Amino acid sequence: MALIVWRMDIEETMIDMAKPSCQIQFMLISRHTSAPSLLYTVSCRDESWKSMAKYCMEDLPSLLKDKSIHNVRALLSRLVKSLPANAGNLIKWVVEVRRKEEGGSGLSNEEKERLILKEKVLQQVRDTELFRLVCELQFAKLPCCGCSWSYSSDDDSLAQIAATVCCQGAALLTGNTISKDGFCCRETCFKCVQVDGDELKTVITGTAVSGVNEQSVDMLLPISPPETSVCNSNSSNEVVKYPSRTDILTVLLLALQPSIWAGIEDERLKAEFQSLVSTDNLRDDLKREILHLRRQLHYVKACKEEPYDDPLPQSL
């Protein structure tokens, strides 16, 4: 599962000032009071968005008209099985990366607050009924487990995630994002940092090299409480506390435009599934996250169609 580095978005506001003799136009640039998304974002860095746009516009409407599907579990199984092989690349979860601090890996108040918000969103994903159903499908050895949408056995490995993010972070921090050589992660080290008394947060320290260049980075990893963590399907003894493929699939289904599900033929099933993916049933932090993802997906879909207007709400 490839990850991207956390970024601060900039709000651009156009202001017009009119005077009797002239008109002055200027732009005021300021930071958002909060990032538009906390833990998840749509990524168009590869071609997965094109196959997903085609899937939503052409394949999914036909699938939903299948009258042989009579319950939510069967519908979810068909949805997962029919997803494009690279659908998991469309939505990424976000890790905050910084240069390694000399003499320790403590968290500033701002870093701690952002990490807590990410963990709240992760917890709220795992509190949904949709997550529970998707989790059952992923680990119950049902037919959908042989679907084309899948990860390799290493994709949910924390060591693999740390190495990937270490290389991405080092490239970004050194401005070496287009070098053909790139960075290679040499080592990673996992630490628990104590904040606010007994509370522990996970910081991963990594060192990446590119030729003679070397960059050390800290990665701030959001994790869920042990009681809401999920088991890795490739290792029944491994508990996944950080965002996993099951979380990504749940978020992807929540983020698809609500109008898609209007095509379900069975009225009872339609009502049940629409309730399952409705933002009305989500807690506020996750609701904002899903609305932002829907907005991003709207623009992605529009790239395959004619020029579009902007009908989606900016916020709650």
C-alpha atoms as a PDB file:
ATOM      1  CA  MET A   1       0.000   0.000   0.000  1.00  0.00           C
ATOM      2  CA  ALA A   2       1.826   3.132  -1.150  1.00  0.00           C
ATOM      3  CA  LEU A   3       1.415   6.161   1.073  1.00  0.00           C
ATOM      4  CA  ILE A   4       1.816   9.872   0.536  1.00  0.00           C
ATOM      5  CA  VAL A   5       3.315  12.458   2.821  1.00  0.00           C
ATOM      6  CA  TRP A   6       1.066  14.781   4.808  1.00  0.00           C
ATOM      7  CA  ARG A   7       0.830  18.291   3.432  1.00  0.00           C
ATOM      8  CA  MET A   8      -0.608  21.634   4.508  1.00  0.00           C
ATOM      9  CA  ASP A   9      -3.104  22.964   1.984  1.00  0.00           C
ATOM     10  CA  ILE A  10      -3.305  26.622   1.074  1.00  0.00           C
ATOM     11  CA  GLU A  11      -6.584  28.482   0.796  1.00  0.00           C
ATOM     12  CA  GLU A  12      -6.798  30.959  -2.049  1.00  0.00           C
ATOM     13  CA  THR A  13      -9.351  33.741  -1.724  1.00  0.00           C
ATOM     14  CA  MET A  14     -10.072  36.313  -4.407  1.00  0.00           C
ATOM     15  CA  ILE A  15     -11.162  39.727  -3.169  1.00  0.00           C
ATOM     16  CA  ASP A  16     -12.448  42.532  -5.408  1.00  0.00           C
ATOM     17  CA  MET A  17     -12.334  46.104  -4.204  1.00  0.00           C
ATOM     18  CA  ALA A  18     -14.197  48.700  -6.233  1.00  0.00           C
ATOM     19  CA  LYS A  19     -13.571  52.426  -6.077  1.00  0.00           C
ATOM     20  CA  PRO A  20     -15.268  55.190  -8.076  1.00  0.00           C
ATOM     21  CA  SER A  21     -12.278  55.673 -10.348  1.00  0.00           C
ATOM     22  CA  CYS A  22     -10.698  52.211 -10.496  1.00  0.00           C
ATOM     23  CA  GLN A  23     -11.006  48.573  -9.552  1.00  0.00           C
ATOM     24  CA  ILE A  24      -8.269  46.817  -7.608  1.00  0.00           C
ATOM     25  CA  GLN A  25      -7.978  43.031  -7.614  1.00  0.00           C
ATOM     26  CA  PHE A  26      -5.648  41.056  -5.393  1.00  0.00           C
ATOM     27  CA  MET A  27      -5.312  37.597  -3.847  1.00  0.00           C
ATOM     28  CA  LEU A  28      -5.121  36.879  -0.140  1.00  0.00           C
ATOM     29  CA  ILE A  29      -3.294  33.611   0.595  1.00  0.00           C
ATOM     30  CA  SER A  30      -3.607  32.065   4.033  1.00  0.00           C
ATOM     31  CA  ARG A  31      -3.443  28.683   5.695  1.00  0.00           C
ATOM     32  CA  HIS A  32      -6.574  26.633   6.199  1.00  0.00           C
ATOM     33  CA  THR A  33      -7.599  26.514   9.839  1.00  0.00           C
ATOM     34  CA  SER A  34      -7.688  22.762   9.287  1.00  0.00           C
ATOM     35  CA  ALA A  35      -6.667  20.466   6.453  1.00  0.00           C
ATOM     36  CA  PRO A  36      -9.540  19.505   4.077  1.00  0.00           C
ATOM     37  CA  SER A  37      -8.759  15.860   4.794  1.00  0.00           C
ATOM     38  CA  LEU A  38      -7.118  14.303   7.833  1.00  0.00           C
ATOM     39  CA  LEU A  39      -6.280  10.673   7.096  1.00  0.00           C
ATOM     40  CA  TYR A  40      -7.385   9.810   3.548  1.00  0.00           C
ATOM     41  CA  THR A  41      -7.032  11.440   0.141  1.00  0.00           C
ATOM     42  CA  VAL A  42      -7.635  10.556  -3.497  1.00  0.00           C
ATOM     43  CA  SER A  43      -4.435  10.003  -5.459  1.00  0.00           C
ATOM     44  CA  CYS A  44      -4.107  10.355  -9.242  1.00  0.00           C
ATOM     45  CA  ARG A  45      -0.375   9.644  -9.342  1.00  0.00           C
ATOM     46  CA  ASP A  46      -0.935   6.515 -11.448  1.00  0.00           C
ATOM     47  CA  GLU A  47      -3.587   5.349 -13.920  1.00  0.00           C
ATOM     48  CA  SER A  48      -5.902   3.777 -11.320  1.00  0.00           C
ATOM     49  CA  TRP A  49      -8.248   6.774 -11.387  1.00  0.00           C
ATOM     50  CA  LYS A  50      -9.072   6.122 -15.054  1.00  0.00           C
ATOM     51  CA  SER A  51     -10.083   2.516 -14.469  1.00  0.00           C
ATOM     52  CA  MET A  52     -12.117   3.527 -11.394  1.00  0.00           C
ATOM     53  CA  ALA A  53     -13.904   6.285 -13.333  1.00  0.00           C
ATOM     54  CA  LYS A  54     -14.791   3.746 -16.026  1.00  0.00           C
ATOM     55  CA  TYR A  55     -15.900   1.261 -13.373  1.00  0.00           C
ATOM     56  CA  CYS A  56     -18.254   3.778 -11.729  1.00  0.00           C
ATOM     57  CA  MET A  57     -19.744   5.015 -15.012  1.00  0.00           C
ATOM     58  CA  GLU A  58     -20.016   1.759 -16.969  1.00  0.00           C
ATOM     59  CA  ASP A  59     -19.462  -1.417 -14.946  1.00  0.00           C
ATOM     60  CA  LEU A  60     -21.131  -0.610 -11.629  1.00  0.00           C
ATOM     61  CA  PRO A  61     -24.554   0.433 -13.027  1.00  0.00           C
ATOM     62  CA  SER A  62     -24.816  -2.893 -14.855  1.00  0.00           C
ATOM     63  CA  LEU A  63     -23.798  -4.857 -11.765  1.00  0.00           C
ATOM     64  CA  LEU A  64     -26.430  -3.159  -9.598  1.00  0.00           C
ATOM     65  CA  LYS A  65     -29.201  -4.226 -11.989  1.00  0.00           C
ATOM     66  CA  ASP A  66     -28.515  -7.901 -11.274  1.00  0.00           C
ATOM     67  CA  LYS A  67     -31.789  -9.192  -9.812  1.00  0.00           C
ATOM     68  CA  SER A  68     -30.113 -12.290  -8.365  1.00  0.00           C
ATOM     69  CA  ILE A  69     -28.543 -10.207  -5.563  1.00  0.00           C
ATOM     70  CA  HIS A  70     -30.918 -10.156  -2.590  1.00  0.00           C
ATOM     71  CA  ASN A  71     -28.883  -9.174   0.476  1.00  0.00           C
ATOM     72  CA  VAL A  72     -26.136  -6.771   1.539  1.00  0.00           C
ATOM     73  CA  ARG A  73     -23.462  -9.434   2.028  1.00  0.00           C
ATOM     74  CA  ALA A  74     -23.998 -10.766  -1.495  1.00  0.00           C
ATOM     75  CA  LEU A  75     -23.895  -7.240  -2.922  1.00  0.00           C
ATOM     76  CA  LEU A  76     -20.697  -6.367  -1.056  1.00  0.00           C
ATOM     77  CA  SER A  77     -19.106  -9.602  -2.242  1.00  0.00           C
ATOM     78  CA  ARG A  78     -19.964  -8.771  -5.858  1.00  0.00           C
ATOM     79  CA  LEU A  79     -18.729  -5.194  -5.470  1.00  0.00           C
ATOM     80  CA  VAL A  80     -15.371  -6.260  -4.064  1.00  0.00           C
ATOM     81  CA  LYS A  81     -14.961  -9.002  -6.650  1.00  0.00           C
ATOM     82  CA  SER A  82     -15.686  -6.644  -9.553  1.00  0.00           C
ATOM     83  CA  LEU A  83     -13.394  -3.790  -8.485  1.00  0.00           C
ATOM     84  CA  PRO A  84     -10.472  -3.050 -10.842  1.00  0.00           C
ATOM     85  CA  ALA A  85      -7.218  -4.654  -9.783  1.00  0.00           C
ATOM     86  CA  ASN A  86      -5.638  -1.274  -9.003  1.00  0.00           C
ATOM     87  CA  ALA A  87      -8.658   0.229  -7.204  1.00  0.00           C
ATOM     88  CA  GLY A  88      -6.744   0.190  -3.924  1.00  0.00           C
ATOM     89  CA  ASN A  89      -4.322   2.759  -5.342  1.00  0.00           C
ATOM     90  CA  LEU A  90      -7.020   5.407  -5.737  1.00  0.00           C
ATOM     91  CA  ILE A  91      -7.375   6.278  -2.041  1.00  0.00           C
ATOM     92  CA  LYS A  92      -4.274   6.620   0.125  1.00  0.00           C
ATOM     93  CA  TRP A  93      -3.897   7.082   3.833  1.00  0.00           C
ATOM     94  CA  VAL A  94      -1.664   9.896   4.969  1.00  0.00           C
ATOM     95  CA  VAL A  95       1.427   9.742   7.155  1.00  0.00           C
ATOM     96  CA  GLU A  96       3.058  12.884   8.511  1.00  0.00           C
ATOM     97  CA  VAL A  97       6.806  12.991   7.837  1.00  0.00           C
ATOM     98  CA  ARG A  98       9.429  15.353   9.220  1.00  0.00           C
ATOM     99  CA  ARG A  99      13.207  15.566   9.360  1.00  0.00           C
ATOM    100  CA  LYS A 100      14.612  13.458  12.166  1.00  0.00           C
ATOM    101  CA  GLU A 101      15.062  15.503  15.321  1.00  0.00           C
ATOM    102  CA  GLU A 102      18.453  15.480  16.974  1.00  0.00           C
ATOM    103  CA  GLY A 103      18.405  14.261  20.553  1.00  0.00           C
ATOM    104  CA  GLY A 104      14.936  12.735  20.527  1.00  0.00           C
ATOM    105  CA  SER A 105      11.647  12.186  18.728  1.00  0.00           C
ATOM    106  CA  GLY A 106       9.226  14.170  20.867  1.00  0.00           C
ATOM    107  CA  LEU A 107       5.964  15.541  19.486  1.00  0.00           C
ATOM    108  CA  SER A 108       5.004  19.193  19.379  1.00  0.00           C
ATOM    109  CA  ASN A 109       1.489  20.134  20.465  1.00  0.00           C
ATOM    110  CA  GLU A 110       0.483  20.672  16.829  1.00  0.00           C
ATOM    111  CA  GLU A 111       1.866  17.275  15.759  1.00  0.00           C
ATOM    112  CA  LYS A 112       0.140  15.568  18.661  1.00  0.00           C
ATOM    113  CA  GLU A 113      -3.193  17.208  17.803  1.00  0.00           C
ATOM    114  CA  ARG A 114      -2.964  16.195  14.124  1.00  0.00           C
ATOM    115  CA  LEU A 115      -2.070  12.621  15.067  1.00  0.00           C
ATOM    116  CA  ILE A 116      -4.990  12.427  17.503  1.00  0.00           C
ATOM    117  CA  LEU A 117      -7.375  13.650  14.766  1.00  0.00           C
ATOM    118  CA  LYS A 118      -6.091  10.996  12.352  1.00  0.00           C
ATOM    119  CA  GLU A 119      -6.601   8.322  14.993  1.00  0.00           C
ATOM    120  CA  LYS A 120     -10.145   9.571  15.636  1.00  0.00           C
ATOM    121  CA  VAL A 121     -10.996   9.194  11.944  1.00  0.00           C
ATOM    122  CA  LEU A 122      -9.474   5.704  11.875  1.00  0.00           C
ATOM    123  CA  GLN A 123     -11.476   4.747  14.966  1.00  0.00           C
ATOM    124  CA  GLN A 124     -14.689   6.117  13.451  1.00  0.00           C
ATOM    125  CA  VAL A 125     -14.141   4.085  10.257  1.00  0.00           C
ATOM    126  CA  ARG A 126     -13.829   0.938  12.364  1.00  0.00           C
ATOM    127  CA  ASP A 127     -16.967   1.802  14.307  1.00  0.00           C
ATOM    128  CA  THR A 128     -19.142   1.646  11.179  1.00  0.00           C
ATOM    129  CA  GLU A 129     -21.357  -1.320  10.310  1.00  0.00           C
ATOM    130  CA  LEU A 130     -19.900  -1.251   6.797  1.00  0.00           C
ATOM    131  CA  PHE A 131     -16.397  -1.841   8.166  1.00  0.00           C
ATOM    132  CA  ARG A 132     -17.649  -4.837  10.159  1.00  0.00           C
ATOM    133  CA  LEU A 133     -19.217  -6.385   7.064  1.00  0.00           C
ATOM    134  CA  VAL A 134     -16.177  -5.702   4.872  1.00  0.00           C
ATOM    135  CA  CYS A 135     -13.930  -7.172   7.572  1.00  0.00           C
ATOM    136  CA  GLU A 136     -16.028 -10.348   7.608  1.00  0.00           C
ATOM    137  CA  LEU A 137     -15.748 -10.632   3.829  1.00  0.00           C
ATOM    138  CA  GLN A 138     -11.989 -10.115   3.914  1.00  0.00           C
ATOM    139  CA  PHE A 139     -11.273 -12.754   6.530  1.00  0.00           C
ATOM    140  CA  ALA A 140     -14.073 -15.329   6.273  1.00  0.00           C
ATOM    141  CA  LYS A 141     -12.577 -16.992   3.178  1.00  0.00           C
ATOM    142  CA  LEU A 142     -15.638 -16.111   1.117  1.00  0.00           C
ATOM    143  CA  PRO A 143     -15.540 -16.217  -2.701  1.00  0.00           C
ATOM    144  CA  CYS A 144     -14.707 -12.511  -2.884  1.00  0.00           C
ATOM    145  CA  CYS A 145     -11.326 -13.222  -1.283  1.00  0.00           C
ATOM    146  CA  GLY A 146     -10.206 -14.438  -4.697  1.00  0.00           C
ATOM    147  CA  CYS A 147     -11.118 -11.138  -6.331  1.00  0.00           C
ATOM    148  CA  SER A 148      -8.841  -9.152  -8.595  1.00  0.00           C
ATOM    149  CA  TRP A 149      -8.731  -6.256  -6.112  1.00  0.00           C
ATOM    150  CA  SER A 150      -6.068  -7.388  -3.711  1.00  0.00           C
ATOM    151  CA  TYR A 151      -2.744  -6.597  -2.090  1.00  0.00           C
ATOM    152  CA  SER A 152       0.406  -8.639  -1.966  1.00  0.00           C
ATOM    153  CA  SER A 153       1.226 -10.315   1.328  1.00  0.00           C
ATOM    154  CA  ASP A 154       3.571  -7.437   2.215  1.00  0.00           C
ATOM    155  CA  ASP A 155       1.196  -4.533   1.586  1.00  0.00           C
ATOM    156  CA  ASP A 156      -0.117  -4.445   5.161  1.00  0.00           C
ATOM    157  CA  SER A 157       3.340  -5.100   6.611  1.00  0.00           C
ATOM    158  CA  LEU A 158       4.363  -2.223   8.865  1.00  0.00           C
ATOM    159  CA  ALA A 159       8.003  -2.693   7.849  1.00  0.00           C
ATOM    160  CA  GLN A 160       7.084  -2.345   4.162  1.00  0.00           C
ATOM    161  CA  ILE A 161       4.899   0.695   4.845  1.00  0.00           C
ATOM    162  CA  ALA A 162       7.693   2.335   6.861  1.00  0.00           C
ATOM    163  CA  ALA A 163      10.251   1.723   4.104  1.00  0.00           C
ATOM    164  CA  THR A 164       7.949   3.144   1.427  1.00  0.00           C
ATOM    165  CA  VAL A 165       7.112   6.278   3.401  1.00  0.00           C
ATOM    166  CA  CYS A 166      10.749   6.752   4.409  1.00  0.00           C
ATOM    167  CA  CYS A 167      11.778   6.924   0.745  1.00  0.00           C
ATOM    168  CA  GLN A 168       8.905   9.241  -0.203  1.00  0.00           C
ATOM    169  CA  GLY A 169       9.575  11.534   2.734  1.00  0.00           C
ATOM    170  CA  ALA A 170      13.312  11.703   2.088  1.00  0.00           C
ATOM    171  CA  ALA A 171      12.703  12.574  -1.570  1.00  0.00           C
ATOM    172  CA  LEU A 172      10.243  15.330  -0.644  1.00  0.00           C
ATOM    173  CA  LEU A 173      12.381  16.852   2.107  1.00  0.00           C
ATOM    174  CA  THR A 174      15.481  16.991  -0.123  1.00  0.00           C
ATOM    175  CA  GLY A 175      13.634  18.147  -3.238  1.00  0.00           C
ATOM    176  CA  ASN A 176      14.784  14.988  -5.019  1.00  0.00           C
ATOM    177  CA  THR A 177      11.317  13.945  -6.218  1.00  0.00           C
ATOM    178  CA  ILE A 178      12.151  13.549  -9.934  1.00  0.00           C
ATOM    179  CA  SER A 179      15.549  11.888  -9.754  1.00  0.00           C
ATOM    180  CA  LYS A 180      15.709   8.654 -11.722  1.00  0.00           C
ATOM    181  CA  ASP A 181      17.841   7.101  -8.989  1.00  0.00           C
ATOM    182  CA  GLY A 182      15.440   7.815  -6.149  1.00  0.00           C
ATOM    183  CA  PHE A 183      15.927   6.893  -2.495  1.00  0.00           C
ATOM    184  CA  CYS A 184      16.349   3.470  -0.946  1.00  0.00           C
ATOM    185  CA  CYS A 185      15.441   2.896   2.698  1.00  0.00           C
ATOM    186  CA  ARG A 186      18.476   1.592   4.601  1.00  0.00           C
ATOM    187  CA  GLU A 187      16.947   1.100   8.042  1.00  0.00           C
ATOM    188  CA  THR A 188      13.910   1.839  10.196  1.00  0.00           C
ATOM    189  CA  CYS A 189      13.440   1.966  13.955  1.00  0.00           C
ATOM    190  CA  PHE A 190      10.123   1.963  15.855  1.00  0.00           C
ATOM    191  CA  LYS A 191       9.703   4.056  18.978  1.00  0.00           C
ATOM    192  CA  CYS A 192       6.852   4.783  21.394  1.00  0.00           C
ATOM    193  CA  VAL A 193       6.845   8.416  22.495  1.00  0.00           C
ATOM    194  CA  GLN A 194       5.068   9.318  25.719  1.00  0.00           C
ATOM    195  CA  VAL A 195       2.798  12.356  25.595  1.00  0.00           C
ATOM    196  CA  ASP A 196       0.441  13.741  28.225  1.00  0.00           C
ATOM    197  CA  GLY A 197       1.531  11.407  30.989  1.00  0.00           C
ATOM    198  CA  ASP A 198       0.723   7.800  30.132  1.00  0.00           C
ATOM    199  CA  GLU A 199      -0.400   8.230  26.501  1.00  0.00           C
ATOM    200  CA  LEU A 200       1.925   6.633  23.923  1.00  0.00           C
ATOM    201  CA  LYS A 201       2.282   7.558  20.254  1.00  0.00           C
ATOM    202  CA  THR A 202       4.212   5.641  17.592  1.00  0.00           C
ATOM    203  CA  VAL A 203       7.124   7.341  15.814  1.00  0.00           C
ATOM    204  CA  ILE A 204       9.093   5.475  13.137  1.00  0.00           C
ATOM    205  CA  THR A 205      12.601   6.719  12.406  1.00  0.00           C
ATOM    206  CA  GLY A 206      14.097   5.813   9.038  1.00  0.00           C
ATOM    207  CA  THR A 207      17.205   6.542   7.007  1.00  0.00           C
ATOM    208  CA  ALA A 208      17.107   6.646   3.195  1.00  0.00           C
ATOM    209  CA  VAL A 209      20.051   6.952   0.814  1.00  0.00           C
ATOM    210  CA  SER A 210      20.398   8.035  -2.805  1.00  0.00           C
ATOM    211  CA  GLY A 211      23.951   7.862  -4.081  1.00  0.00           C
ATOM    212  CA  VAL A 212      26.018   9.935  -1.664  1.00  0.00           C
ATOM    213  CA  ASN A 213      22.920  11.652  -0.240  1.00  0.00           C
ATOM    214  CA  GLU A 214      21.462  10.506   3.068  1.00  0.00           C
ATOM    215  CA  GLN A 215      18.293  11.712   4.796  1.00  0.00           C
ATOM    216  CA  SER A 216      16.853  10.642   8.156  1.00  0.00           C
ATOM    217  CA  VAL A 217      13.146  11.136   8.765  1.00  0.00           C
ATOM    218  CA  ASP A 218      10.542  10.648  11.485  1.00  0.00           C
ATOM    219  CA  MET A 219       7.130   9.224  10.539  1.00  0.00           C
ATOM    220  CA  LEU A 220       4.139   9.793  12.836  1.00  0.00           C
ATOM    221  CA  LEU A 221       1.918   6.735  12.619  1.00  0.00           C
ATOM    222  CA  PRO A 222      -1.805   6.796  13.502  1.00  0.00           C
ATOM    223  CA  ILE A 223      -2.967   3.644  15.293  1.00  0.00           C
ATOM    224  CA  SER A 224      -6.295   2.416  16.667  1.00  0.00           C
ATOM    225  CA  PRO A 225      -6.914   1.000  20.159  1.00  0.00           C
ATOM    226  CA  PRO A 226      -6.186  -2.758  20.424  1.00  0.00           C
ATOM    227  CA  GLU A 227      -9.853  -3.648  20.920  1.00  0.00           C
ATOM    228  CA  THR A 228     -10.791  -2.178  17.515  1.00  0.00           C
ATOM    229  CA  SER A 229      -7.761  -3.379  15.560  1.00  0.00           C
ATOM    230  CA  VAL A 230      -8.137  -5.991  12.825  1.00  0.00           C
ATOM    231  CA  CYS A 231      -6.243  -9.177  12.098  1.00  0.00           C
ATOM    232  CA  ASN A 232      -4.014  -9.453   9.059  1.00  0.00           C
ATOM    233  CA  SER A 233      -5.492 -12.086   6.742  1.00  0.00           C
ATOM    234  CA  ASN A 234      -1.972 -13.239   5.848  1.00  0.00           C
ATOM    235  CA  SER A 235      -1.019 -13.831   9.466  1.00  0.00           C
ATOM    236  CA  SER A 236      -3.786 -14.672  11.896  1.00  0.00           C
ATOM    237  CA  ASN A 237      -1.592 -13.690  14.847  1.00  0.00           C
ATOM    238  CA  GLU A 238      -0.725 -10.224  13.550  1.00  0.00           C
ATOM    239  CA  VAL A 239      -2.975  -7.403  14.732  1.00  0.00           C
ATOM    240  CA  VAL A 240      -3.217  -4.386  12.429  1.00  0.00           C
ATOM    241  CA  LYS A 241      -3.564  -1.203  14.497  1.00  0.00           C
ATOM    242  CA  TYR A 242      -2.659   1.195  11.677  1.00  0.00           C
ATOM    243  CA  PRO A 243      -4.864   1.835   8.581  1.00  0.00           C
ATOM    244  CA  SER A 244      -5.212  -1.424   6.649  1.00  0.00           C
ATOM    245  CA  ARG A 245      -6.619  -2.618   3.327  1.00  0.00           C
ATOM    246  CA  THR A 246      -9.955  -3.252   5.072  1.00  0.00           C
ATOM    247  CA  ASP A 247     -10.108   0.395   6.147  1.00  0.00           C
ATOM    248  CA  ILE A 248      -9.245   1.564   2.616  1.00  0.00           C
ATOM    249  CA  LEU A 249     -11.960  -0.594   1.062  1.00  0.00           C
ATOM    250  CA  THR A 250     -14.523   0.647   3.594  1.00  0.00           C
ATOM    251  CA  VAL A 251     -13.605   4.278   2.923  1.00  0.00           C
ATOM    252  CA  LEU A 252     -13.713   3.714  -0.847  1.00  0.00           C
ATOM    253  CA  LEU A 253     -17.267   2.347  -0.659  1.00  0.00           C
ATOM    254  CA  LEU A 254     -18.359   5.213   1.593  1.00  0.00           C
ATOM    255  CA  ALA A 255     -16.813   7.770  -0.757  1.00  0.00           C
ATOM    256  CA  LEU A 256     -18.555   6.637  -3.955  1.00  0.00           C
ATOM    257  CA  GLN A 257     -21.286   9.061  -5.007  1.00  0.00           C
ATOM    258  CA  PRO A 258     -24.688   8.269  -3.376  1.00  0.00           C
ATOM    259  CA  SER A 259     -26.475   8.482  -6.760  1.00  0.00           C
ATOM    260  CA  ILE A 260     -24.682   5.288  -7.818  1.00  0.00           C
ATOM    261  CA  TRP A 261     -26.718   3.161  -5.412  1.00  0.00           C
ATOM    262  CA  ALA A 262     -30.028   4.398  -6.830  1.00  0.00           C
ATOM    263  CA  GLY A 263     -29.508   1.810  -9.568  1.00  0.00           C
ATOM    264  CA  ILE A 264     -30.042  -1.149  -7.198  1.00  0.00           C
ATOM    265  CA  GLU A 265     -33.118  -2.972  -8.515  1.00  0.00           C
ATOM    266  CA  ASP A 266     -34.340  -4.518  -5.261  1.00  0.00           C
ATOM    267  CA  GLU A 267     -36.025  -1.681  -3.306  1.00  0.00           C
ATOM    268  CA  ARG A 268     -35.511  -3.280   0.111  1.00  0.00           C
ATOM    269  CA  LEU A 269     -31.853  -3.951  -0.626  1.00  0.00           C
ATOM    270  CA  LYS A 270     -31.432  -0.428  -2.002  1.00  0.00           C
ATOM    271  CA  ALA A 271     -32.777   1.150   1.188  1.00  0.00           C
ATOM    272  CA  GLU A 272     -30.618  -1.083   3.388  1.00  0.00           C
ATOM    273  CA  PHE A 273     -27.421  -0.423   1.433  1.00  0.00           C
ATOM    274  CA  GLN A 274     -28.039   3.322   1.123  1.00  0.00           C
ATOM    275  CA  SER A 275     -28.408   3.481   4.894  1.00  0.00           C
ATOM    276  CA  LEU A 276     -25.129   1.574   5.240  1.00  0.00           C
ATOM    277  CA  VAL A 277     -23.130   4.126   3.190  1.00  0.00           C
ATOM    278  CA  SER A 278     -25.052   7.273   4.158  1.00  0.00           C
ATOM    279  CA  THR A 279     -23.032  10.106   5.717  1.00  0.00           C
ATOM    280  CA  ASP A 280     -26.048  10.782   7.959  1.00  0.00           C
ATOM    281  CA  ASN A 281     -24.963   7.793  10.035  1.00  0.00           C
ATOM    282  CA  LEU A 282     -21.314   8.864  10.343  1.00  0.00           C
ATOM    283  CA  ARG A 283     -19.689  10.801  13.156  1.00  0.00           C
ATOM    284  CA  ASP A 284     -18.613  14.340  12.337  1.00  0.00           C
ATOM    285  CA  ASP A 285     -14.874  13.832  11.722  1.00  0.00           C
ATOM    286  CA  LEU A 286     -15.412  10.872   9.419  1.00  0.00           C
ATOM    287  CA  LYS A 287     -18.351  12.609   7.744  1.00  0.00           C
ATOM    288  CA  ARG A 288     -16.136  15.577   6.792  1.00  0.00           C
ATOM    289  CA  GLU A 289     -13.493  13.153   5.519  1.00  0.00           C
ATOM    290  CA  ILE A 290     -15.969  11.263   3.312  1.00  0.00           C
ATOM    291  CA  LEU A 291     -17.546  14.438   1.921  1.00  0.00           C
ATOM    292  CA  HIS A 292     -14.079  15.674   0.937  1.00  0.00           C
ATOM    293  CA  LEU A 293     -13.275  12.358  -0.753  1.00  0.00           C
ATOM    294  CA  ARG A 294     -16.604  12.446  -2.620  1.00  0.00           C
ATOM    295  CA  ARG A 295     -15.741  15.905  -3.839  1.00  0.00           C
ATOM    296  CA  GLN A 296     -12.342  14.717  -5.069  1.00  0.00           C
ATOM    297  CA  LEU A 297     -13.913  11.690  -6.790  1.00  0.00           C
ATOM    298  CA  HIS A 298     -16.478  13.978  -8.433  1.00  0.00           C
ATOM    299  CA  TYR A 299     -13.656  15.891 -10.108  1.00  0.00           C
ATOM    300  CA  VAL A 300     -11.880  12.679 -11.090  1.00  0.00           C
ATOM    301  CA  LYS A 301     -15.063  11.358 -12.700  1.00  0.00           C
ATOM    302  CA  ALA A 302     -15.614  14.699 -14.432  1.00  0.00           C
ATOM    303  CA  CYS A 303     -12.240  14.349 -16.148  1.00  0.00           C
ATOM    304  CA  LYS A 304     -13.778  11.486 -18.128  1.00  0.00           C
ATOM    305  CA  GLU A 305     -16.833  13.528 -19.061  1.00  0.00           C
ATOM    306  CA  GLU A 306     -17.703  17.016 -20.251  1.00  0.00           C
ATOM    307  CA  PRO A 307     -16.837  20.196 -18.288  1.00  0.00           C
ATOM    308  CA  TYR A 308     -18.654  20.225 -14.968  1.00  0.00           C
ATOM    309  CA  ASP A 309     -20.146  22.622 -12.450  1.00  0.00           C
ATOM    310  CA  ASP A 310     -19.467  22.448  -8.719  1.00  0.00           C
ATOM    311  CA  PRO A 311     -22.582  20.993  -7.064  1.00  0.00           C
ATOM    312  CA  LEU A 312     -21.023  19.360  -4.018  1.00  0.00           C
ATOM    313  CA  PRO A 313     -20.934  21.023  -0.589  1.00  0.00           C
ATOM    314  CA  GLN A 314     -17.621  22.354   0.680  1.00  0.00           C
ATOM    315  CA  SER A 315     -18.285  21.179   4.236  1.00  0.00           C
ATOM    316  CA  LEU A 316     -20.943  19.964   6.638  1.00  0.00           C
END
